[in-house]
C-alpha atoms as a PDB file:
ATOM      1  CA  UNK A   1     -16.056 -19.415  35.207  1.00  0.00           C
ATOM      2  CA  UNK A   2     -12.523 -18.091  35.553  1.00  0.00           C
ATOM      3  CA  UNK A   3     -11.906 -15.070  37.780  1.00  0.00           C
ATOM      4  CA  UNK A   4      -8.558 -13.642  38.815  1.00  0.00           C
ATOM      5  CA  UNK A   5      -7.959 -11.201  41.674  1.00  0.00           C
ATOM      6  CA  UNK A   6      -4.650  -9.584  42.577  1.00  0.00           C
ATOM      7  CA  UNK A   7      -3.451  -8.653  46.070  1.00  0.00           C
ATOM      8  CA  UNK A   8      -0.339  -6.529  46.542  1.00  0.00           C
ATOM      9  CA  UNK A   9       0.790  -7.490  43.040  1.00  0.00           C
ATOM     10  CA  UNK A  10       2.207 -10.783  44.311  1.00  0.00           C
ATOM     11  CA  UNK A  11      -0.594 -13.282  44.858  1.00  0.00           C
ATOM     12  CA  UNK A  12      -3.082 -14.480  42.281  1.00  0.00           C
ATOM     13  CA  UNK A  13      -6.316 -16.069  43.480  1.00  0.00           C
ATOM     14  CA  UNK A  14      -8.470 -17.602  40.775  1.00  0.00           C
ATOM     15  CA  UNK A  15     -11.460 -19.857  40.285  1.00  0.00           C
ATOM     16  CA  UNK A  16     -11.173 -22.437  37.525  1.00  0.00           C
ATOM     17  CA  UNK A  17     -14.377 -24.426  37.172  1.00  0.00           C
ATOM     18  CA  UNK A  18     -15.066 -25.558  40.747  1.00  0.00           C
ATOM     19  CA  UNK A  19     -11.466 -25.200  41.958  1.00  0.00           C
ATOM     20  CA  UNK A  20      -9.777 -22.323  43.702  1.00  0.00           C
ATOM     21  CA  UNK A  21      -6.184 -21.702  42.700  1.00  0.00           C
ATOM     22  CA  UNK A  22      -3.517 -19.612  44.389  1.00  0.00           C
ATOM     23  CA  UNK A  23      -0.698 -18.556  42.099  1.00  0.00           C
ATOM     24  CA  UNK A  24      -1.962 -21.055  39.518  1.00  0.00           C
ATOM     25  CA  UNK A  25      -1.898 -24.050  41.874  1.00  0.00           C
ATOM     26  CA  UNK A  26      -5.045 -25.856  43.026  1.00  0.00           C
ATOM     27  CA  UNK A  27      -5.468 -25.272  46.753  1.00  0.00           C
ATOM     28  CA  UNK A  28      -4.656 -28.144  49.104  1.00  0.00           C
ATOM     29  CA  UNK A  29      -3.318 -30.150  46.154  1.00  0.00           C
ATOM     30  CA  UNK A  30      -1.003 -32.143  48.445  1.00  0.00           C
ATOM     31  CA  UNK A  31      -3.714 -33.002  50.973  1.00  0.00           C
ATOM     32  CA  UNK A  32      -4.367 -36.651  51.685  1.00  0.00           C
ATOM     33  CA  UNK A  33      -8.082 -35.790  51.618  1.00  0.00           C
ATOM     34  CA  UNK A  34      -9.341 -35.472  48.057  1.00  0.00           C
ATOM     35  CA  UNK A  35     -12.504 -33.638  49.111  1.00  0.00           C
ATOM     36  CA  UNK A  36     -10.568 -30.520  50.210  1.00  0.00           C
ATOM     37  CA  UNK A  37      -8.592 -30.140  47.000  1.00  0.00           C
ATOM     38  CA  UNK A  38      -9.649 -26.965  45.236  1.00  0.00           C
ATOM     39  CA  UNK A  39     -11.512 -25.542  48.239  1.00  0.00           C
ATOM     40  CA  UNK A  40     -10.677 -22.229  49.878  1.00  0.00           C
ATOM     41  CA  UNK A  41     -10.930 -22.877  53.605  1.00  0.00           C
ATOM     42  CA  UNK A  42     -11.735 -19.658  55.413  1.00  0.00           C
ATOM     43  CA  UNK A  43     -12.009 -18.363  58.958  1.00  0.00           C
ATOM     44  CA  UNK A  44     -14.587 -15.681  59.661  1.00  0.00           C
ATOM     45  CA  UNK A  45     -12.816 -13.309  62.056  1.00  0.00           C
ATOM     46  CA  UNK A  46     -15.146 -10.357  61.791  1.00  0.00           C
ATOM     47  CA  UNK A  47     -13.670  -8.559  64.798  1.00  0.00           C
ATOM     48  CA  UNK A  48     -10.089  -9.374  63.767  1.00  0.00           C
ATOM     49  CA  UNK A  49      -9.558  -5.727  62.933  1.00  0.00           C
ATOM     50  CA  UNK A  50     -11.821  -3.191  64.580  1.00  0.00           C
ATOM     51  CA  UNK A  51     -12.006  -0.135  66.757  1.00  0.00           C
ATOM     52  CA  UNK A  52     -14.738   0.764  69.189  1.00  0.00           C
ATOM     53  CA  UNK A  53     -15.545   4.475  69.054  1.00  0.00           C
ATOM     54  CA  UNK A  54     -18.382   4.062  71.576  1.00  0.00           C
ATOM     55  CA  UNK A  55     -17.177   5.581  74.855  1.00  0.00           C
ATOM     56  CA  UNK A  56     -19.616   3.462  76.845  1.00  0.00           C
ATOM     57  CA  UNK A  57     -18.306   0.141  75.503  1.00  0.00           C
ATOM     58  CA  UNK A  58     -14.657   0.721  74.567  1.00  0.00           C
ATOM     59  CA  UNK A  59     -13.530  -0.405  78.040  1.00  0.00           C
ATOM     60  CA  UNK A  60     -14.947  -3.875  77.349  1.00  0.00           C
ATOM     61  CA  UNK A  61     -11.926  -4.559  75.137  1.00  0.00           C
ATOM     62  CA  UNK A  62      -9.122  -3.436  77.478  1.00  0.00           C
ATOM     63  CA  UNK A  63      -5.976  -5.545  77.309  1.00  0.00           C
ATOM     64  CA  UNK A  64      -5.172  -7.218  80.641  1.00  0.00           C
ATOM     65  CA  UNK A  65      -1.543  -6.053  80.602  1.00  0.00           C
ATOM     66  CA  UNK A  66      -2.164  -2.366  79.770  1.00  0.00           C
ATOM     67  CA  UNK A  67      -5.734  -1.909  81.045  1.00  0.00           C
ATOM     68  CA  UNK A  68      -6.395  -0.005  77.805  1.00  0.00           C
ATOM     69  CA  UNK A  69      -7.938  -0.794  74.418  1.00  0.00           C
ATOM     70  CA  UNK A  70      -5.534  -0.393  71.487  1.00  0.00           C
ATOM     71  CA  UNK A  71      -7.010  -0.899  67.987  1.00  0.00           C
ATOM     72  CA  UNK A  72      -3.582  -0.761  66.353  1.00  0.00           C
ATOM     73  CA  UNK A  73      -2.317  -3.524  68.627  1.00  0.00           C
ATOM     74  CA  UNK A  74      -5.433  -5.564  67.855  1.00  0.00           C
ATOM     75  CA  UNK A  75      -4.781  -5.332  64.107  1.00  0.00           C
ATOM     76  CA  UNK A  76      -1.032  -5.901  64.460  1.00  0.00           C
ATOM     77  CA  UNK A  77      -1.596  -9.052  66.538  1.00  0.00           C
ATOM     78  CA  UNK A  78      -4.183 -10.327  64.071  1.00  0.00           C
ATOM     79  CA  UNK A  79      -1.841  -9.847  61.100  1.00  0.00           C
ATOM     80  CA  UNK A  80       1.185 -11.277  62.925  1.00  0.00           C
ATOM     81  CA  UNK A  81      -0.739 -14.496  63.622  1.00  0.00           C
ATOM     82  CA  UNK A  82      -1.762 -15.085  60.006  1.00  0.00           C
ATOM     83  CA  UNK A  83       1.414 -17.066  59.317  1.00  0.00           C
ATOM     84  CA  UNK A  84       0.703 -19.303  62.325  1.00  0.00           C
ATOM     85  CA  UNK A  85      -2.813 -20.067  61.115  1.00  0.00           C
ATOM     86  CA  UNK A  86      -1.466 -20.596  57.601  1.00  0.00           C
ATOM     87  CA  UNK A  87       0.997 -23.175  58.947  1.00  0.00           C
ATOM     88  CA  UNK A  88      -2.076 -25.213  59.962  1.00  0.00           C
ATOM     89  CA  UNK A  89      -3.553 -24.906  56.464  1.00  0.00           C
ATOM     90  CA  UNK A  90      -5.758 -21.828  56.696  1.00  0.00           C
ATOM     91  CA  UNK A  91      -5.553 -19.883  53.433  1.00  0.00           C
ATOM     92  CA  UNK A  92      -8.057 -17.059  53.875  1.00  0.00           C
ATOM     93  CA  UNK A  93      -9.735 -14.805  56.424  1.00  0.00           C
ATOM     94  CA  UNK A  94     -12.926 -12.779  56.438  1.00  0.00           C
ATOM     95  CA  UNK A  95     -12.943  -9.515  58.385  1.00  0.00           C
ATOM     96  CA  UNK A  96     -15.713  -6.953  58.776  1.00  0.00           C
ATOM     97  CA  UNK A  97     -15.238  -3.321  57.831  1.00  0.00           C
ATOM     98  CA  UNK A  98     -18.871  -2.227  57.798  1.00  0.00           C
ATOM     99  CA  UNK A  99     -18.987  -1.098  61.409  1.00  0.00           C
ATOM    100  CA  UNK A 100     -21.519  -2.074  63.967  1.00  0.00           C
ATOM    101  CA  UNK A 101     -22.831  -1.296  67.374  1.00  0.00           C
ATOM    102  CA  UNK A 102     -21.200  -3.364  70.101  1.00  0.00           C
ATOM    103  CA  UNK A 103     -22.876  -3.424  73.474  1.00  0.00           C
END
């Protein structure tokens, strides 16, 4: 099986046999742990980007400094931290866009 996906025209993610590759390179190729080579370690951050349109629960998510929920700030802070998580070896994230019913 060989599948290639493109994101923003810059990054290629592919599966070659049992190995994930990013831009043609096997993931975690330089790791001292052979068992992680070719894996695509992922963090499931379902609420990493979301908005709460429910007036009875939106106050649950107020920021301590502004006392107000801000979905744009939530997304901006999530995206701005991706490079930090990547510096620790995290290569992918799962977010939820299907909606839900908090509270």
